[in-house]
Amino acid sequence: MTAETSQTLDRGLRVLKLLADTDHGLTVTELAAKLGVNRTVVYRLLATLEQHALVRRDLGGRARVGLGVLRLAHQVHPLLREAALPALRSLAEEIGATAHLTLVDGNEALAVAVVEPSWTDYHVAYRTGFRHPLDRGAAGKAILEGRLWNAARRNVPAPACAGGPAPQAEQNGAPGYVLTHSELEAGASGAAAPLLGVTGIEGSVGVVMLADSVPERVGQRVVAAAREVSEALR
């Protein structure tokens, strides 16, 4: 027996998903075409979503995801952390370095899960809740590379990535890993790879270690861990 559903709620959720998949917003006409409904229906949906701060409209009338979505997103962090911990724990123990899951929070990168290795004499201390600009550190730069890749797949314009070392690309054209040194902490090197193909989530998986450089095998292992976390979140 098929469960009874709400058509209006379904349409509202579809509006949010459509807006989340674009970086430049959508007009009422564009939303109406994508939903297969008339403009009056879209106006009502947007008005309701705006009342809850889930949608905002810019000066040009284009609808975009509202800041109210961020309040909901914070409640998702514990679920994301739980899904990512097995891959992070395996990565930290195998490499002997602190592993982390980092997500976008506004214009910053936010560490939402951190796992330190259990067997090393010393390692970099990295705490959950640590923030830094997206254009500094391996975690943030990997997120920006993932944003470019996702935008290219959707054929929409995306902002240019910040300067720095180019990511080591995978053979299938997807971004590989990003390496940095002494950008967030003197003497520490980082490697991170973006989460790819996870709707509504921009993030990266990475490691930070006390070293002048990161061995290639570590970068490849980080990419594998990011892929594992991406699959767990889909």
C-alpha atoms as a PDB file:
ATOM      1  CA  MET A   1       0.000   0.000   0.000  1.00  0.00           C
ATOM      2  CA  THR A   2       1.426   3.371  -1.029  1.00  0.00           C
ATOM      3  CA  ALA A   3       1.732   5.861   1.833  1.00  0.00           C
ATOM      4  CA  GLU A   4      -0.367   8.993   1.557  1.00  0.00           C
ATOM      5  CA  THR A   5       1.761  12.077   0.878  1.00  0.00           C
ATOM      6  CA  SER A   6       1.380  15.849   0.716  1.00  0.00           C
ATOM      7  CA  GLN A   7       1.725  17.303  -2.766  1.00  0.00           C
ATOM      8  CA  THR A   8       2.357  20.809  -1.425  1.00  0.00           C
ATOM      9  CA  LEU A   9       5.093  19.652   0.928  1.00  0.00           C
ATOM     10  CA  ASP A  10       6.646  17.600  -1.857  1.00  0.00           C
ATOM     11  CA  ARG A  11       6.745  20.653  -4.111  1.00  0.00           C
ATOM     12  CA  GLY A  12       8.256  22.802  -1.367  1.00  0.00           C
ATOM     13  CA  LEU A  13      11.011  20.271  -0.766  1.00  0.00           C
ATOM     14  CA  ARG A  14      11.664  20.073  -4.499  1.00  0.00           C
ATOM     15  CA  VAL A  15      12.047  23.861  -4.563  1.00  0.00           C
ATOM     16  CA  LEU A  16      14.701  23.656  -1.836  1.00  0.00           C
ATOM     17  CA  LYS A  17      16.571  20.896  -3.671  1.00  0.00           C
ATOM     18  CA  LEU A  18      16.513  22.843  -6.938  1.00  0.00           C
ATOM     19  CA  LEU A  19      17.839  25.963  -5.224  1.00  0.00           C
ATOM     20  CA  ALA A  20      20.521  23.971  -3.405  1.00  0.00           C
ATOM     21  CA  ASP A  21      21.791  22.678  -6.751  1.00  0.00           C
ATOM     22  CA  THR A  22      22.399  26.134  -8.219  1.00  0.00           C
ATOM     23  CA  ASP A  23      24.923  28.811  -7.295  1.00  0.00           C
ATOM     24  CA  HIS A  24      23.083  31.673  -8.985  1.00  0.00           C
ATOM     25  CA  GLY A  25      19.468  31.205  -7.838  1.00  0.00           C
ATOM     26  CA  LEU A  26      16.343  30.618  -9.910  1.00  0.00           C
ATOM     27  CA  THR A  27      13.513  32.876 -11.040  1.00  0.00           C
ATOM     28  CA  VAL A  28       9.841  32.111 -10.483  1.00  0.00           C
ATOM     29  CA  THR A  29       9.503  31.272 -14.171  1.00  0.00           C
ATOM     30  CA  GLU A  30      12.460  28.876 -14.055  1.00  0.00           C
ATOM     31  CA  LEU A  31      11.109  27.144 -10.957  1.00  0.00           C
ATOM     32  CA  ALA A  32       7.646  26.842 -12.499  1.00  0.00           C
ATOM     33  CA  ALA A  33       9.140  25.188 -15.588  1.00  0.00           C
ATOM     34  CA  LYS A  34      11.228  22.757 -13.561  1.00  0.00           C
ATOM     35  CA  LEU A  35       8.313  21.819 -11.283  1.00  0.00           C
ATOM     36  CA  GLY A  36       5.744  21.681 -14.087  1.00  0.00           C
ATOM     37  CA  VAL A  37       3.351  24.044 -12.288  1.00  0.00           C
ATOM     38  CA  ASN A  38       2.090  27.577 -12.891  1.00  0.00           C
ATOM     39  CA  ARG A  39       3.769  30.683 -11.482  1.00  0.00           C
ATOM     40  CA  THR A  40       1.021  31.265  -8.897  1.00  0.00           C
ATOM     41  CA  VAL A  41       1.855  27.968  -7.203  1.00  0.00           C
ATOM     42  CA  VAL A  42       5.554  28.884  -7.114  1.00  0.00           C
ATOM     43  CA  TYR A  43       4.816  32.311  -5.603  1.00  0.00           C
ATOM     44  CA  ARG A  44       2.862  30.629  -2.787  1.00  0.00           C
ATOM     45  CA  LEU A  45       5.594  28.074  -2.159  1.00  0.00           C
ATOM     46  CA  LEU A  46       8.295  30.752  -2.021  1.00  0.00           C
ATOM     47  CA  ALA A  47       6.225  32.974   0.285  1.00  0.00           C
ATOM     48  CA  THR A  48       5.793  30.095   2.748  1.00  0.00           C
ATOM     49  CA  LEU A  49       9.458  29.108   2.613  1.00  0.00           C
ATOM     50  CA  GLU A  50      10.505  32.748   3.080  1.00  0.00           C
ATOM     51  CA  GLN A  51       8.411  32.965   6.269  1.00  0.00           C
ATOM     52  CA  HIS A  52      10.604  30.187   7.688  1.00  0.00           C
ATOM     53  CA  ALA A  53      13.837  31.783   6.365  1.00  0.00           C
ATOM     54  CA  LEU A  54      14.461  28.724   4.205  1.00  0.00           C
ATOM     55  CA  VAL A  55      14.397  30.808   1.022  1.00  0.00           C
ATOM     56  CA  ARG A  56      15.372  34.399   0.284  1.00  0.00           C
ATOM     57  CA  ARG A  57      14.982  36.503  -2.854  1.00  0.00           C
ATOM     58  CA  ASP A  58      17.701  38.868  -4.062  1.00  0.00           C
ATOM     59  CA  LEU A  59      17.198  42.315  -5.557  1.00  0.00           C
ATOM     60  CA  GLY A  60      16.785  40.783  -9.002  1.00  0.00           C
ATOM     61  CA  GLY A  61      13.967  38.539  -7.779  1.00  0.00           C
ATOM     62  CA  ARG A  62      15.936  35.301  -8.001  1.00  0.00           C
ATOM     63  CA  ALA A  63      15.216  32.805  -5.234  1.00  0.00           C
ATOM     64  CA  ARG A  64      18.101  31.368  -3.255  1.00  0.00           C
ATOM     65  CA  VAL A  65      18.496  29.072  -0.247  1.00  0.00           C
ATOM     66  CA  GLY A  66      17.947  31.069   2.964  1.00  0.00           C
ATOM     67  CA  LEU A  67      20.002  31.191   6.153  1.00  0.00           C
ATOM     68  CA  GLY A  68      17.358  29.171   7.987  1.00  0.00           C
ATOM     69  CA  VAL A  69      18.746  26.095   6.260  1.00  0.00           C
ATOM     70  CA  LEU A  70      21.992  26.545   8.217  1.00  0.00           C
ATOM     71  CA  ARG A  71      20.147  26.114  11.523  1.00  0.00           C
ATOM     72  CA  LEU A  72      18.762  22.825  10.255  1.00  0.00           C
ATOM     73  CA  ALA A  73      22.161  21.797   8.921  1.00  0.00           C
ATOM     74  CA  HIS A  74      23.799  22.105  12.352  1.00  0.00           C
ATOM     75  CA  GLN A  75      21.481  19.393  13.624  1.00  0.00           C
ATOM     76  CA  VAL A  76      22.799  17.095  10.900  1.00  0.00           C
ATOM     77  CA  HIS A  77      26.419  17.305  12.047  1.00  0.00           C
ATOM     78  CA  PRO A  78      26.115  14.486  14.633  1.00  0.00           C
ATOM     79  CA  LEU A  79      24.693  12.172  11.952  1.00  0.00           C
ATOM     80  CA  LEU A  80      27.479  13.069   9.533  1.00  0.00           C
ATOM     81  CA  ARG A  81      30.059  12.535  12.258  1.00  0.00           C
ATOM     82  CA  GLU A  82      28.698   9.085  13.037  1.00  0.00           C
ATOM     83  CA  ALA A  83      28.737   8.069   9.370  1.00  0.00           C
ATOM     84  CA  ALA A  84      32.309   9.305   8.844  1.00  0.00           C
ATOM     85  CA  LEU A  85      33.999   7.963  12.002  1.00  0.00           C
ATOM     86  CA  PRO A  86      34.805   4.430  10.749  1.00  0.00           C
ATOM     87  CA  ALA A  87      36.647   5.771   7.682  1.00  0.00           C
ATOM     88  CA  LEU A  88      38.404   8.476   9.712  1.00  0.00           C
ATOM     89  CA  ARG A  89      39.497   6.017  12.383  1.00  0.00           C
ATOM     90  CA  SER A  90      40.918   3.646   9.774  1.00  0.00           C
ATOM     91  CA  LEU A  91      42.717   6.531   8.042  1.00  0.00           C
ATOM     92  CA  ALA A  92      44.254   7.884  11.259  1.00  0.00           C
ATOM     93  CA  GLU A  93      45.480   4.472  12.421  1.00  0.00           C
ATOM     94  CA  GLU A  94      46.913   3.492   9.046  1.00  0.00           C
ATOM     95  CA  ILE A  95      48.705   6.775   8.358  1.00  0.00           C
ATOM     96  CA  GLY A  96      49.587   7.659  11.939  1.00  0.00           C
ATOM     97  CA  ALA A  97      48.217  11.176  11.612  1.00  0.00           C
ATOM     98  CA  THR A  98      45.193  13.132  12.797  1.00  0.00           C
ATOM     99  CA  ALA A  99      42.241  12.630  10.428  1.00  0.00           C
ATOM    100  CA  HIS A 100      39.288  14.972  10.085  1.00  0.00           C
ATOM    101  CA  LEU A 101      35.980  15.573   8.337  1.00  0.00           C
ATOM    102  CA  THR A 102      35.505  19.242   7.451  1.00  0.00           C
ATOM    103  CA  LEU A 103      32.309  20.879   6.171  1.00  0.00           C
ATOM    104  CA  VAL A 104      31.413  24.294   4.797  1.00  0.00           C
ATOM    105  CA  ASP A 105      29.869  26.691   7.320  1.00  0.00           C
ATOM    106  CA  GLY A 106      29.186  30.008   5.613  1.00  0.00           C
ATOM    107  CA  ASN A 107      32.524  31.225   4.249  1.00  0.00           C
ATOM    108  CA  GLU A 108      34.547  29.040   6.587  1.00  0.00           C
ATOM    109  CA  ALA A 109      35.654  25.453   6.874  1.00  0.00           C
ATOM    110  CA  LEU A 110      34.443  23.744  10.066  1.00  0.00           C
ATOM    111  CA  ALA A 111      35.935  20.538  11.482  1.00  0.00           C
ATOM    112  CA  VAL A 112      32.972  18.396  12.575  1.00  0.00           C
ATOM    113  CA  ALA A 113      34.795  15.122  13.293  1.00  0.00           C
ATOM    114  CA  VAL A 114      38.399  14.479  14.345  1.00  0.00           C
ATOM    115  CA  VAL A 115      40.171  11.184  15.044  1.00  0.00           C
ATOM    116  CA  GLU A 116      43.727  11.027  16.418  1.00  0.00           C
ATOM    117  CA  PRO A 117      45.960   7.943  16.004  1.00  0.00           C
ATOM    118  CA  SER A 118      46.311   5.753  19.078  1.00  0.00           C
ATOM    119  CA  TRP A 119      49.836   4.433  18.554  1.00  0.00           C
ATOM    120  CA  THR A 120      52.027   7.451  17.710  1.00  0.00           C
ATOM    121  CA  ASP A 121      54.388   9.158  20.172  1.00  0.00           C
ATOM    122  CA  TYR A 122      53.173  12.553  18.989  1.00  0.00           C
ATOM    123  CA  HIS A 123      50.742  14.002  16.480  1.00  0.00           C
ATOM    124  CA  VAL A 124      49.096  17.297  15.615  1.00  0.00           C
ATOM    125  CA  ALA A 125      46.294  18.327  17.959  1.00  0.00           C
ATOM    126  CA  TYR A 126      43.196  19.219  15.933  1.00  0.00           C
ATOM    127  CA  ARG A 127      39.894  19.829  17.672  1.00  0.00           C
ATOM    128  CA  THR A 128      36.293  19.471  16.589  1.00  0.00           C
ATOM    129  CA  GLY A 129      34.859  22.938  16.017  1.00  0.00           C
ATOM    130  CA  PHE A 130      38.094  24.362  14.600  1.00  0.00           C
ATOM    131  CA  ARG A 131      37.360  26.947  11.887  1.00  0.00           C
ATOM    132  CA  HIS A 132      39.468  28.501   9.176  1.00  0.00           C
ATOM    133  CA  PRO A 133      38.946  30.337   5.865  1.00  0.00           C
ATOM    134  CA  LEU A 134      38.063  28.157   2.900  1.00  0.00           C
ATOM    135  CA  ASP A 135      41.042  29.442   0.941  1.00  0.00           C
ATOM    136  CA  ARG A 136      43.581  28.415   3.587  1.00  0.00           C
ATOM    137  CA  GLY A 137      44.574  24.888   4.549  1.00  0.00           C
ATOM    138  CA  ALA A 138      44.169  21.640   2.659  1.00  0.00           C
ATOM    139  CA  ALA A 139      40.650  20.949   3.941  1.00  0.00           C
ATOM    140  CA  GLY A 140      39.202  24.247   2.708  1.00  0.00           C
ATOM    141  CA  LYS A 141      41.039  24.190  -0.613  1.00  0.00           C
ATOM    142  CA  ALA A 142      39.860  20.634  -1.276  1.00  0.00           C
ATOM    143  CA  ILE A 143      36.275  21.785  -0.663  1.00  0.00           C
ATOM    144  CA  LEU A 144      36.739  24.587  -3.211  1.00  0.00           C
ATOM    145  CA  GLU A 145      38.098  22.105  -5.748  1.00  0.00           C
ATOM    146  CA  GLY A 146      35.089  19.876  -5.142  1.00  0.00           C
ATOM    147  CA  ARG A 147      32.804  22.889  -5.638  1.00  0.00           C
ATOM    148  CA  LEU A 148      34.398  23.599  -9.023  1.00  0.00           C
ATOM    149  CA  TRP A 149      34.045  19.972 -10.066  1.00  0.00           C
ATOM    150  CA  ASN A 150      30.398  19.777  -9.020  1.00  0.00           C
ATOM    151  CA  ALA A 151      29.631  23.073 -10.772  1.00  0.00           C
ATOM    152  CA  ALA A 152      31.282  21.830 -13.970  1.00  0.00           C
ATOM    153  CA  ARG A 153      29.141  18.697 -13.877  1.00  0.00           C
ATOM    154  CA  ARG A 154      26.024  20.863 -13.602  1.00  0.00           C
ATOM    155  CA  ASN A 155      27.323  23.250 -16.304  1.00  0.00           C
ATOM    156  CA  VAL A 156      26.896  26.302 -14.089  1.00  0.00           C
ATOM    157  CA  PRO A 157      29.453  29.057 -13.384  1.00  0.00           C
ATOM    158  CA  ALA A 158      31.521  28.736 -10.214  1.00  0.00           C
ATOM    159  CA  PRO A 159      34.023  31.068  -8.564  1.00  0.00           C
ATOM    160  CA  ALA A 160      37.668  30.474  -9.342  1.00  0.00           C
ATOM    161  CA  CYS A 161      39.568  28.466  -6.774  1.00  0.00           C
ATOM    162  CA  ALA A 162      42.051  30.256  -4.539  1.00  0.00           C
ATOM    163  CA  GLY A 163      45.694  30.152  -5.453  1.00  0.00           C
ATOM    164  CA  GLY A 164      47.944  27.448  -4.151  1.00  0.00           C
ATOM    165  CA  PRO A 165      49.251  24.031  -5.119  1.00  0.00           C
ATOM    166  CA  ALA A 166      47.192  22.380  -7.829  1.00  0.00           C
ATOM    167  CA  PRO A 167      45.352  19.251  -6.708  1.00  0.00           C
ATOM    168  CA  GLN A 168      46.667  15.864  -7.745  1.00  0.00           C
ATOM    169  CA  ALA A 169      43.946  14.778 -10.193  1.00  0.00           C
ATOM    170  CA  GLU A 170      42.518  11.318 -10.492  1.00  0.00           C
ATOM    171  CA  GLN A 171      42.444   9.583 -13.854  1.00  0.00           C
ATOM    172  CA  ASN A 172      38.665   9.973 -14.207  1.00  0.00           C
ATOM    173  CA  GLY A 173      38.946  13.765 -14.109  1.00  0.00           C
ATOM    174  CA  ALA A 174      37.630  14.117 -10.558  1.00  0.00           C
ATOM    175  CA  PRO A 175      39.749  16.195  -8.174  1.00  0.00           C
ATOM    176  CA  GLY A 176      42.280  14.139  -6.274  1.00  0.00           C
ATOM    177  CA  TYR A 177      43.979  15.548  -3.185  1.00  0.00           C
ATOM    178  CA  VAL A 178      45.282  18.960  -2.167  1.00  0.00           C
ATOM    179  CA  LEU A 179      48.549  19.437  -0.277  1.00  0.00           C
ATOM    180  CA  THR A 180      49.511  22.388   1.918  1.00  0.00           C
ATOM    181  CA  HIS A 181      52.328  23.204   4.346  1.00  0.00           C
ATOM    182  CA  SER A 182      52.412  25.604   7.301  1.00  0.00           C
ATOM    183  CA  GLU A 183      49.220  27.408   6.230  1.00  0.00           C
ATOM    184  CA  LEU A 184      47.269  26.868   9.455  1.00  0.00           C
ATOM    185  CA  GLU A 185      49.999  25.742  11.848  1.00  0.00           C
ATOM    186  CA  ALA A 186      53.756  26.251  11.503  1.00  0.00           C
ATOM    187  CA  GLY A 187      55.536  23.031  10.544  1.00  0.00           C
ATOM    188  CA  ALA A 188      52.343  21.090   9.852  1.00  0.00           C
ATOM    189  CA  SER A 189      51.462  19.644   6.466  1.00  0.00           C
ATOM    190  CA  GLY A 190      47.991  18.700   5.325  1.00  0.00           C
ATOM    191  CA  ALA A 191      46.397  16.547   2.663  1.00  0.00           C
ATOM    192  CA  ALA A 192      42.683  16.583   1.908  1.00  0.00           C
ATOM    193  CA  ALA A 193      40.245  15.351  -0.738  1.00  0.00           C
ATOM    194  CA  PRO A 194      36.712  16.623  -1.375  1.00  0.00           C
ATOM    195  CA  LEU A 195      33.476  14.742  -0.796  1.00  0.00           C
ATOM    196  CA  LEU A 196      31.925  14.217  -4.229  1.00  0.00           C
ATOM    197  CA  GLY A 197      28.415  13.371  -5.341  1.00  0.00           C
ATOM    198  CA  VAL A 198      26.759  14.025  -1.965  1.00  0.00           C
ATOM    199  CA  THR A 199      23.706  16.215  -2.531  1.00  0.00           C
ATOM    200  CA  GLY A 200      23.536  19.258  -0.275  1.00  0.00           C
ATOM    201  CA  ILE A 201      26.877  18.661   1.454  1.00  0.00           C
ATOM    202  CA  GLU A 202      30.190  20.371   0.726  1.00  0.00           C
ATOM    203  CA  GLY A 203      33.077  18.898   2.658  1.00  0.00           C
ATOM    204  CA  SER A 204      36.423  17.159   2.649  1.00  0.00           C
ATOM    205  CA  VAL A 205      38.342  14.418   4.408  1.00  0.00           C
ATOM    206  CA  GLY A 206      41.953  15.033   5.311  1.00  0.00           C
ATOM    207  CA  VAL A 207      44.933  14.452   7.555  1.00  0.00           C
ATOM    208  CA  VAL A 208      47.360  16.821   9.231  1.00  0.00           C
ATOM    209  CA  MET A 209      50.882  15.783  10.252  1.00  0.00           C
ATOM    210  CA  LEU A 210      54.154  17.238  11.490  1.00  0.00           C
ATOM    211  CA  ALA A 211      56.238  16.890   8.337  1.00  0.00           C
ATOM    212  CA  ASP A 212      57.848  19.012   5.654  1.00  0.00           C
ATOM    213  CA  SER A 213      55.841  17.228   2.980  1.00  0.00           C
ATOM    214  CA  VAL A 214      53.132  14.596   2.601  1.00  0.00           C
ATOM    215  CA  PRO A 215      54.088  11.291   0.918  1.00  0.00           C
ATOM    216  CA  GLU A 216      52.130  10.420  -2.219  1.00  0.00           C
ATOM    217  CA  ARG A 217      50.730   7.263  -0.642  1.00  0.00           C
ATOM    218  CA  VAL A 218      49.105   9.412   2.050  1.00  0.00           C
ATOM    219  CA  GLY A 219      47.386  11.570  -0.547  1.00  0.00           C
ATOM    220  CA  GLN A 220      46.050   8.498  -2.319  1.00  0.00           C
ATOM    221  CA  ARG A 221      44.816   7.048   0.968  1.00  0.00           C
ATOM    222  CA  VAL A 222      43.026  10.318   1.775  1.00  0.00           C
ATOM    223  CA  VAL A 223      41.229  10.180  -1.584  1.00  0.00           C
ATOM    224  CA  ALA A 224      40.092   6.631  -0.801  1.00  0.00           C
ATOM    225  CA  ALA A 225      38.822   7.715   2.627  1.00  0.00           C
ATOM    226  CA  ALA A 226      36.931  10.668   1.120  1.00  0.00           C
ATOM    227  CA  ARG A 227      35.309   8.306  -1.366  1.00  0.00           C
ATOM    228  CA  GLU A 228      34.333   5.957   1.471  1.00  0.00           C
ATOM    229  CA  VAL A 229      32.758   8.789   3.481  1.00  0.00           C
ATOM    230  CA  SER A 230      30.936  10.084   0.379  1.00  0.00           C
ATOM    231  CA  GLU A 231      29.408   6.661  -0.183  1.00  0.00           C
ATOM    232  CA  ALA A 232      28.341   6.440   3.467  1.00  0.00           C
ATOM    233  CA  LEU A 233      26.549   9.789   3.200  1.00  0.00           C
ATOM    234  CA  ARG A 234      24.639   9.114  -0.012  1.00  0.00           C
END
